[in-house]
Protein backbone atom coordinates (compact mmCIF):
# COMPACT_ATOMS: atom_id res chain seq x y z
CA MET A 1 -27.21 -28.25 15.15
CA THR A 2 -29.99 -26.17 14.81
CA THR A 3 -30.87 -22.98 13.48
CA ASP A 4 -31.50 -19.30 14.90
CA ILE A 5 -34.61 -17.77 13.02
CA THR A 6 -34.21 -13.49 14.61
CA VAL A 7 -36.01 -10.65 13.21
CA PRO A 8 -34.28 -9.39 10.29
CA GLN A 9 -33.41 -5.40 9.89
CA LEU A 10 -36.48 -3.47 8.95
CA GLY A 11 -35.56 -0.52 7.06
CA GLU A 12 -34.65 3.03 8.26
CA SER A 13 -35.41 4.55 11.35
CA VAL A 14 -37.59 0.97 12.41
CA THR A 15 -36.49 -1.27 15.21
CA GLU A 16 -39.58 -3.44 16.28
CA ALA A 17 -41.96 -5.00 14.33
CA THR A 18 -45.20 -7.36 15.92
CA VAL A 19 -45.62 -10.82 15.23
CA ALA A 20 -48.50 -10.82 12.95
CA LYS A 21 -48.97 -14.54 12.39
CA TRP A 22 -46.95 -18.15 11.60
CA PHE A 23 -46.98 -19.90 8.07
CA LYS A 24 -45.61 -22.78 9.72
CA ALA A 25 -46.38 -24.99 12.74
CA VAL A 26 -44.22 -26.53 14.99
CA GLY A 27 -42.75 -30.06 13.86
CA ASP A 28 -43.63 -28.78 9.95
CA ALA A 29 -40.92 -29.62 7.34
CA VAL A 30 -39.92 -25.97 5.98
CA ALA A 31 -38.22 -25.61 2.55
CA GLN A 32 -35.45 -22.92 1.91
CA ASP A 33 -36.30 -19.64 1.37
CA GLU A 34 -40.29 -20.57 2.35
CA PRO A 35 -41.95 -17.94 4.45
CA LEU A 36 -42.69 -18.82 7.83
CA VAL A 37 -43.72 -16.46 9.83
CA GLU A 38 -44.58 -12.47 9.20
CA LEU A 39 -43.87 -9.22 10.98
CA GLU A 40 -45.94 -6.29 11.05
CA THR A 41 -43.93 -2.48 11.56
CA ASP A 42 -45.39 0.88 11.57
CA LYS A 43 -45.22 0.84 8.03
CA VAL A 44 -45.55 -2.75 6.20
CA THR A 45 -46.16 -6.00 6.72
CA VAL A 46 -42.74 -8.39 6.32
CA GLU A 47 -42.23 -11.96 5.38
CA VAL A 48 -39.67 -13.57 7.15
CA PRO A 49 -38.14 -16.56 4.68
CA SER A 50 -36.92 -19.64 6.21
CA PRO A 51 -32.68 -19.58 5.74
CA ALA A 52 -32.58 -23.56 5.59
CA ALA A 53 -34.18 -26.44 4.80
CA GLY A 54 -35.34 -28.34 7.89
CA THR A 55 -38.64 -28.67 10.99
CA LEU A 56 -39.47 -25.99 12.94
CA ILE A 57 -38.81 -26.99 16.13
CA GLU A 58 -39.71 -24.12 18.44
CA ILE A 59 -41.52 -21.16 18.11
CA LEU A 60 -40.25 -18.46 20.63
CA ALA A 61 -42.48 -15.50 19.85
CA GLU A 62 -46.53 -15.69 19.53
CA PRO A 63 -48.48 -14.19 17.62
CA GLY A 64 -49.20 -10.29 19.17
CA ALA A 65 -45.12 -10.29 20.64
CA GLU A 66 -43.64 -7.12 20.56
CA VAL A 67 -40.03 -8.09 19.13
CA GLU A 68 -36.88 -5.64 18.21
CA VAL A 69 -34.31 -6.37 15.31
CA GLY A 70 -31.79 -8.86 16.20
CA ALA A 71 -34.55 -10.92 18.64
CA LEU A 72 -34.93 -14.81 18.52
CA LEU A 73 -38.36 -15.65 16.33
CA ALA A 74 -38.12 -19.09 16.30
CA ARG A 75 -35.03 -22.15 15.96
CA LEU A 76 -35.20 -24.30 12.89
CA GLY A 77 -33.86 -28.19 13.39
CA GLU A 78 -32.33 -30.56 10.38
CA GLY A 79 -33.97 -33.10 7.99
CA ALA A 80 -37.25 -34.25 9.01
CA ALA A 81 -36.15 -36.12 12.51
CA ALA A 82 -36.36 -32.87 14.55
CA PRO A 83 -37.33 -33.18 18.01
CA ALA A 84 -40.63 -32.94 19.14
CA PRO A 85 -42.06 -30.14 19.73
CA LYS A 86 -41.34 -29.20 23.58
CA PRO A 87 -44.49 -28.21 25.49
CA ALA A 88 -46.07 -24.61 25.58
CA ALA A 89 -45.20 -24.09 28.96
CA ALA A 90 -41.86 -25.01 28.24
CA SER A 91 -40.99 -22.21 25.51
CA ALA A 92 -38.85 -19.87 26.45
CA PRO A 93 -40.83 -16.34 25.66
CA ALA A 94 -38.78 -13.70 23.52
CA PRO A 95 -35.80 -12.05 24.19
CA ALA A 96 -36.93 -9.31 23.56
CA ALA A 97 -35.01 -5.84 24.84
CA PRO A 98 -35.62 -5.31 28.40
CA ALA A 99 -38.13 -1.96 29.10
CA PRO A 100 -36.28 1.18 30.16
CA ALA A 101 -35.63 1.11 34.06
CA ALA A 102 -38.00 3.95 35.52
CA PRO A 103 -36.02 7.17 35.50
CA THR A 104 -33.79 7.51 38.57
CA PRO A 105 -31.70 10.94 39.81
CA ALA A 106 -28.31 10.14 39.00
CA ALA A 107 -26.05 10.03 42.49
CA PRO A 108 -23.31 11.86 41.23
CA ALA A 109 -23.47 16.05 39.76
CA PRO A 110 -24.58 15.70 35.77
CA THR A 111 -22.37 16.61 33.35
CA PRO A 112 -23.33 20.33 31.62
CA ALA A 113 -25.85 19.37 28.95
CA PRO A 114 -25.47 20.10 25.93
CA LEU A 115 -27.33 22.74 24.03
CA ALA A 116 -31.20 21.62 23.81
CA LYS A 117 -34.09 23.14 20.85
CA ALA A 118 -37.10 22.19 19.96
CA ALA A 119 -37.57 18.45 19.18
CA ASN A 120 -38.14 17.49 16.06
CA THR A 121 -41.37 15.37 16.53
CA ALA A 122 -41.40 14.93 12.68
CA LEU A 123 -38.64 12.10 13.81
CA PRO A 124 -39.65 8.64 14.93
CA LEU A 125 -38.58 8.31 18.95
CA ALA A 126 -36.59 5.09 19.23
CA PRO A 127 -38.89 2.08 20.83
CA ALA A 128 -37.49 3.26 25.20
CA VAL A 129 -37.51 7.10 24.33
CA ARG A 130 -41.48 6.06 23.67
CA LYS A 131 -42.10 3.86 26.25
CA LEU A 132 -40.78 6.44 28.40
CA VAL A 133 -42.73 9.27 27.03
CA ALA A 134 -45.55 6.77 27.06
CA ASP A 135 -45.14 5.85 30.74
CA ASN A 136 -45.08 9.06 31.62
CA ALA A 137 -47.98 10.68 29.54
CA LEU A 138 -45.59 13.35 28.12
CA ASP A 139 -45.74 15.47 24.94
CA PRO A 140 -42.96 14.99 22.36
CA ALA A 141 -43.21 18.92 21.58
CA ARG A 142 -42.67 19.92 24.76
CA ILE A 143 -39.36 18.40 25.61
CA PRO A 144 -36.19 19.73 24.86
CA ALA A 145 -33.70 18.02 22.39
CA THR A 146 -30.79 17.09 22.24
CA GLY A 147 -30.11 14.67 19.75
CA LYS A 148 -28.70 15.27 15.70
CA ASP A 149 -31.24 17.00 14.36
CA GLY A 150 -33.88 18.09 17.17
CA ARG A 151 -33.36 14.00 17.72
CA LEU A 152 -34.95 13.44 21.60
CA THR A 153 -33.38 11.42 23.39
CA ARG A 154 -33.65 8.74 26.64
CA ASP A 155 -32.13 11.65 28.70
CA ASP A 156 -33.59 14.53 27.39
CA VAL A 157 -37.05 12.71 29.24
CA VAL A 158 -35.63 11.84 32.02
CA ARG A 159 -33.77 16.00 32.27
CA TYR A 160 -37.08 16.66 31.82
CA MET A 161 -38.97 14.19 34.44
CA GLN A 162 -36.35 15.92 36.90
CA ALA A 163 -36.63 19.21 35.93
CA GLY A 164 -40.36 18.58 36.41
CA GLY A 165 -41.75 17.85 33.22
CA ALA A 166 -45.72 18.13 33.26
CA ALA A 167 -47.35 15.22 30.92
CA ALA A 168 -49.72 15.66 28.41
CA PRO A 169 -53.52 17.41 28.76
CA ALA A 170 -54.66 14.79 26.18
CA PRO A 171 -52.66 11.49 25.02
CA ALA A 172 -53.38 10.64 21.01
CA LEU A 173 -54.89 7.63 22.19
CA ALA A 174 -56.47 6.47 25.33
CA ALA A 175 -53.79 4.81 27.19
CA GLY A 176 -54.08 1.10 28.73
CA PRO A 177 -56.67 -1.54 28.03
CA GLY A 178 -60.09 0.69 28.34
CA ARG A 179 -63.22 -0.40 28.83
CA GLU A 180 -64.12 -4.37 28.49
CA ALA A 181 -66.66 -5.20 25.33
CA GLY A 182 -70.15 -4.75 25.38
CA PRO A 183 -72.30 -8.23 24.40
CA ARG A 184 -72.94 -7.65 21.06
CA GLU A 185 -69.50 -5.22 21.09
CA GLU A 186 -66.59 -7.07 19.22
CA LYS A 187 -63.17 -5.83 20.80
CA VAL A 188 -60.35 -6.17 18.42
CA LYS A 189 -56.68 -4.82 19.02
CA MET A 190 -55.32 -2.70 16.77
CA THR A 191 -52.65 -3.21 14.61
CA ARG A 192 -49.36 -2.00 14.94
CA LEU A 193 -50.02 -0.17 11.14
CA ARG A 194 -53.71 1.85 12.10
CA ARG A 195 -52.33 2.18 15.80
CA ARG A 196 -48.78 4.29 13.54
CA VAL A 197 -51.20 6.27 11.58
CA ALA A 198 -53.31 7.24 14.68
CA GLU A 199 -50.35 8.19 16.49
CA ARG A 200 -49.12 9.67 12.87
CA LEU A 201 -52.20 11.61 12.25
CA LYS A 202 -52.61 13.02 16.07
CA ASP A 203 -48.89 14.39 15.89
CA ALA A 204 -50.08 16.46 12.24
CA GLN A 205 -52.90 18.41 13.79
CA ASN A 206 -50.44 18.76 17.83
CA THR A 207 -47.70 19.86 15.49
CA ALA A 208 -48.90 21.71 12.92
CA ALA A 209 -50.47 25.07 12.52
CA ILE A 210 -52.98 23.20 9.55
CA LEU A 211 -55.33 25.20 7.12
CA THR A 212 -56.71 23.90 3.81
CA THR A 213 -58.10 26.15 0.72
CA PHE A 214 -61.12 25.13 -1.78
CA ASN A 215 -61.11 25.53 -5.00
CA GLU A 216 -63.15 23.85 -8.14
CA VAL A 217 -61.72 22.83 -11.20
CA ASP A 218 -63.71 21.62 -14.62
CA MET A 219 -62.77 18.55 -15.97
CA THR A 220 -64.13 18.98 -19.21
CA ALA A 221 -60.57 19.41 -21.43
CA ILE A 222 -59.29 16.65 -19.42
CA MET A 223 -61.91 14.13 -19.73
CA GLU A 224 -62.14 15.06 -24.00
CA LEU A 225 -58.15 14.71 -23.66
CA ARG A 226 -58.25 11.25 -22.02
CA ASN A 227 -60.94 10.11 -23.94
CA ARG A 228 -59.40 11.06 -27.56
CA TYR A 229 -56.02 9.03 -27.08
CA LYS A 230 -56.73 6.58 -23.93
CA ASP A 231 -57.10 3.90 -26.71
CA ALA A 232 -53.45 4.77 -28.43
CA PHE A 233 -51.77 5.03 -24.73
CA GLU A 234 -53.06 2.25 -23.73
CA LYS A 235 -51.57 0.04 -26.85
CA LYS A 236 -48.32 1.99 -26.62
CA HIS A 237 -47.58 2.27 -23.19
CA ALA A 238 -49.21 -1.58 -21.88
CA ILE A 239 -50.92 1.12 -19.70
CA LYS A 240 -54.20 3.07 -18.87
CA LEU A 241 -53.99 6.37 -19.22
CA GLY A 242 -56.10 7.40 -15.88
CA PHE A 243 -56.06 10.93 -13.56
CA MET A 244 -54.20 10.98 -11.52
CA SER A 245 -51.02 11.56 -13.85
CA PHE A 246 -52.24 14.71 -14.84
CA PHE A 247 -52.76 15.76 -11.10
CA VAL A 248 -49.12 14.69 -10.59
CA LYS A 249 -47.70 16.76 -12.82
CA ALA A 250 -49.74 19.95 -11.89
CA CYS A 251 -48.90 19.35 -8.59
CA VAL A 252 -45.10 19.44 -9.54
CA SER A 253 -45.07 21.95 -12.15
CA ALA A 254 -46.63 24.51 -9.65
CA LEU A 255 -44.54 23.54 -7.14
CA LYS A 256 -41.47 24.08 -8.75
CA GLU A 257 -42.99 27.36 -8.70
CA LEU A 258 -43.34 27.19 -5.31
CA PRO A 259 -41.31 26.17 -3.60
CA ALA A 260 -42.46 26.52 0.44
CA VAL A 261 -44.84 23.84 -0.39
CA ASN A 262 -42.58 21.19 -1.31
CA ALA A 263 -40.54 22.19 1.76
CA GLU A 264 -41.06 21.34 5.21
CA ILE A 265 -39.45 22.25 8.80
CA SER A 266 -36.39 21.40 10.20
CA GLY A 267 -35.53 22.14 13.75
CA ASP A 268 -35.54 26.33 13.91
CA SER A 269 -34.94 25.83 9.51
CA ILE A 270 -36.98 25.72 6.55
CA LEU A 271 -35.95 22.14 4.38
CA TYR A 272 -36.33 23.19 0.53
CA LYS A 273 -35.62 20.04 -1.49
CA ASN A 274 -34.86 20.29 -5.31
CA TYR A 275 -37.21 17.34 -5.93
CA TYR A 276 -40.15 16.35 -7.05
CA ASP A 277 -41.49 13.67 -4.47
CA ILE A 278 -45.05 12.86 -4.71
CA GLY A 279 -46.53 9.96 -2.54
CA VAL A 280 -50.08 9.06 -3.49
CA ALA A 281 -52.32 7.77 -0.12
CA VAL A 282 -53.49 4.86 -1.87
CA GLY A 283 -55.81 1.86 0.86
CA GLY A 284 -54.93 -1.57 1.43
CA PRO A 285 -56.71 -4.34 3.46
CA GLN A 286 -54.51 -2.96 6.73
CA GLY A 287 -55.06 0.85 5.98
CA LEU A 288 -53.59 4.12 4.21
CA VAL A 289 -50.54 3.51 2.79
CA VAL A 290 -48.46 6.44 0.72
CA PRO A 291 -46.02 4.73 -1.43
CA VAL A 292 -44.25 7.30 -3.18
CA VAL A 293 -43.67 7.85 -6.54
CA ARG A 294 -39.81 9.32 -7.17
CA ASP A 295 -38.39 12.00 -9.70
CA CYS A 296 -41.87 13.12 -10.53
CA ASP A 297 -40.91 15.81 -12.37
CA THR A 298 -37.95 13.60 -15.02
CA ARG A 299 -40.60 10.64 -15.50
CA SER A 300 -43.40 10.59 -18.34
CA PHE A 301 -47.08 10.38 -17.91
CA ALA A 302 -46.41 6.83 -18.43
CA GLU A 303 -44.24 6.14 -16.52
CA VAL A 304 -46.12 7.93 -13.59
CA GLU A 305 -49.53 5.92 -14.24
CA GLY A 306 -47.20 2.59 -14.53
CA ALA A 307 -46.20 3.51 -10.99
CA ILE A 308 -48.97 4.10 -9.30
CA ALA A 309 -50.76 1.50 -10.94
CA GLY A 310 -47.78 -1.25 -9.82
CA PHE A 311 -48.50 0.72 -6.10
CA GLY A 312 -52.71 -0.15 -5.76
CA ARG A 313 -51.52 -3.65 -7.07
CA LYS A 314 -48.98 -4.46 -4.21
CA ALA A 315 -50.95 -2.43 -1.66
CA ARG A 316 -54.00 -4.65 -2.03
CA ASP A 317 -51.40 -7.87 -2.03
CA GLY A 318 -49.57 -6.51 0.76
CA SER A 319 -46.37 -6.63 -0.71
CA LEU A 320 -44.96 -3.19 -0.42
CA THR A 321 -41.52 -2.35 0.28
CA LEU A 322 -40.16 0.22 3.32
CA GLU A 323 -38.60 2.07 0.74
CA GLU A 324 -41.00 2.41 -1.55
CA MET A 325 -42.76 4.29 1.36
CA SER A 326 -40.00 6.37 2.46
CA GLY A 327 -39.40 9.66 2.02
CA GLY A 328 -41.95 12.11 -0.32
CA THR A 329 -42.20 15.50 -0.34
CA PHE A 330 -45.70 16.29 -1.26
CA THR A 331 -48.69 13.93 -1.08
CA ILE A 332 -52.18 13.30 -3.43
CA SER A 333 -54.78 11.35 -1.89
CA ASN A 334 -57.77 10.96 -3.89
CA GLY A 335 -61.46 10.06 -1.41
CA GLY A 336 -63.11 10.68 -4.70
CA VAL A 337 -62.48 6.90 -5.94
CA TYR A 338 -64.43 6.59 -2.63
CA GLY A 339 -67.49 8.43 -3.31
CA SER A 340 -65.99 12.18 -1.77
CA LEU A 341 -67.37 15.43 -2.63
CA MET A 342 -65.29 17.35 -0.31
CA SER A 343 -62.90 17.14 2.68
CA THR A 344 -60.35 18.71 4.39
CA PRO A 345 -56.52 15.93 4.48
CA ILE A 346 -54.72 15.69 7.12
CA LEU A 347 -50.76 16.32 6.95
CA ASN A 348 -48.58 13.50 6.15
CA PRO A 349 -45.31 14.75 8.62
CA PRO A 350 -42.90 15.94 7.91
CA GLN A 351 -44.38 17.00 4.90
CA SER A 352 -46.34 20.28 4.34
CA ALA A 353 -48.63 19.99 2.13
CA ILE A 354 -51.32 17.75 1.00
CA LEU A 355 -53.54 17.66 -1.82
CA GLY A 356 -57.69 16.53 -1.44
CA MET A 357 -59.31 15.47 -4.59
CA HIS A 358 -62.77 14.06 -5.03
CA LYS A 359 -65.26 12.66 -7.32
CA THR A 360 -66.35 14.99 -10.74
CA GLN A 361 -70.13 16.03 -10.92
CA MET A 362 -72.16 17.68 -12.88
CA ARG A 363 -72.92 20.67 -12.19
CA PRO A 364 -74.72 23.81 -13.11
CA MET A 365 -72.06 26.34 -13.99
CA VAL A 366 -71.97 29.93 -15.47
CA MET A 367 -69.49 31.05 -18.56
CA PRO A 368 -68.23 33.64 -19.61
CA ASP A 369 -70.65 34.11 -22.20
CA GLY A 370 -73.60 34.26 -19.36
CA SER A 371 -75.02 30.92 -20.36
CA ILE A 372 -75.28 28.64 -17.93
CA GLN A 373 -74.43 24.90 -19.09
CA ALA A 374 -73.85 21.27 -17.25
CA ARG A 375 -69.90 20.46 -15.95
CA PRO A 376 -67.61 18.06 -14.63
CA MET A 377 -66.80 19.43 -11.46
CA MET A 378 -63.89 18.52 -9.13
CA TYR A 379 -63.68 19.83 -5.32
CA LEU A 380 -59.90 20.30 -4.45
CA ALA A 381 -58.85 20.90 -1.17
CA LEU A 382 -54.86 21.69 -0.10
CA SER A 383 -54.00 21.28 3.49
CA TYR A 384 -51.11 23.12 4.44
CA ASP A 385 -48.86 24.06 6.93
CA HIS A 386 -49.83 27.76 8.11
CA ARG A 387 -45.64 27.59 10.40
CA ILE A 388 -44.10 27.58 6.97
CA ILE A 389 -46.52 28.34 3.97
CA ASP A 390 -49.10 31.35 3.69
CA GLY A 391 -51.98 31.93 2.70
CA LYS A 392 -51.19 33.65 -1.12
CA GLU A 393 -48.81 30.62 -1.67
CA ALA A 394 -51.00 28.48 -0.87
CA VAL A 395 -53.74 30.24 -2.69
CA THR A 396 -51.69 30.13 -5.93
CA PHE A 397 -50.24 26.73 -5.94
CA LEU A 398 -54.11 25.32 -6.06
CA VAL A 399 -54.83 28.13 -8.64
CA ARG A 400 -51.92 27.00 -10.58
CA VAL A 401 -53.12 23.03 -10.54
CA LYS A 402 -56.69 24.54 -11.43
CA GLU A 403 -55.17 26.02 -14.42
CA ALA A 404 -52.99 23.08 -15.74
CA ILE A 405 -56.26 20.99 -15.75
CA GLU A 406 -57.89 22.86 -17.09
CA ASN A 407 -55.67 24.13 -20.19
CA PRO A 408 -53.50 20.36 -19.63
CA ALA A 409 -51.34 23.02 -22.50
CA ARG A 410 -49.97 24.13 -19.96
CA LEU A 411 -48.48 21.22 -18.83
CA LEU A 412 -46.75 20.33 -22.62
CA LEU A 413 -45.61 23.57 -22.83
CA ASP A 414 -44.24 24.25 -18.87
CA VAL A 415 -46.27 27.85 -18.89
């Protein structure tokens, strides 16, 4: 008796993955719940455990193969006396879903199409739709959508092409294999996560009217407060007191005052969110990921610091789950940990704004009494979607964050 190893459910809106690596070879003994294969999705890597003990007798999806949810990955035999491994040439390919057929004109007269509206490019495309769009070099933002919440369907793409829809002027990523590596070059295929990051960043630039406003904040008060209480804080909560919790709380306070910064565009409407799930951009071995700290308005400083520290460990280990990176109403990116003095962060769709923190550096500042003092200063950058957020709102938001950091008592008094 054999046991089939299939691609498990990968989370909301995730329908396919890439086989990253196998932990076992054909003929190896496998214990129940032992990791067999690592799958890479658009967001995270997922380990697929063995559902039973036995011997791996056949691998049907080699590393690099694209597989959909439910696709057969391998077969497991009972006990140690499993059949000998089949030759590589005889191994059957993974029964991945067939590629969608090229669109052909329908023979009968088509029924009237549902009412179409602008496509919601913040929603992920289904695999068949994404392939049809990519194969024909189309721009999804230009195709009228009839799906729920502005989702693009395959029929929408077919109708657009039959109506003479033009290809996009330039794809986000160059199609095809590209040029061959030179004698002193190395060509490495992009991981699924890196490809997805590239697509999302380019989509953000193509869709949103991104503008960035800057300010600078004097870190003296918050640094003194942290130095005064960091030991007692760590002793009581078993977590170090950093600066991120102050910025998270400052952003939540500003978001409450300026709800447009916490909103998103949904079709031809604005979706205001009465909750504050803050994404914190962290770098992992496979690229940038944005885990989300939920309900930051109800969490204490210690809870925020604990959540961020936990996400940092998981990002380094590659163990973040899809649920931990889904959603989010606003994002904070701290390039200062890498020494960045100033930058213009790119939006994290479908969010409408992102705060960029930077390196704290001693600079000469003219004080209110006219004296010149060396102060620890940090540049702040707020990139925002000008379609939904006016310049006055963006500038006011950044000023509110600055005021809260320079006078942390405002966070306690909620003023």
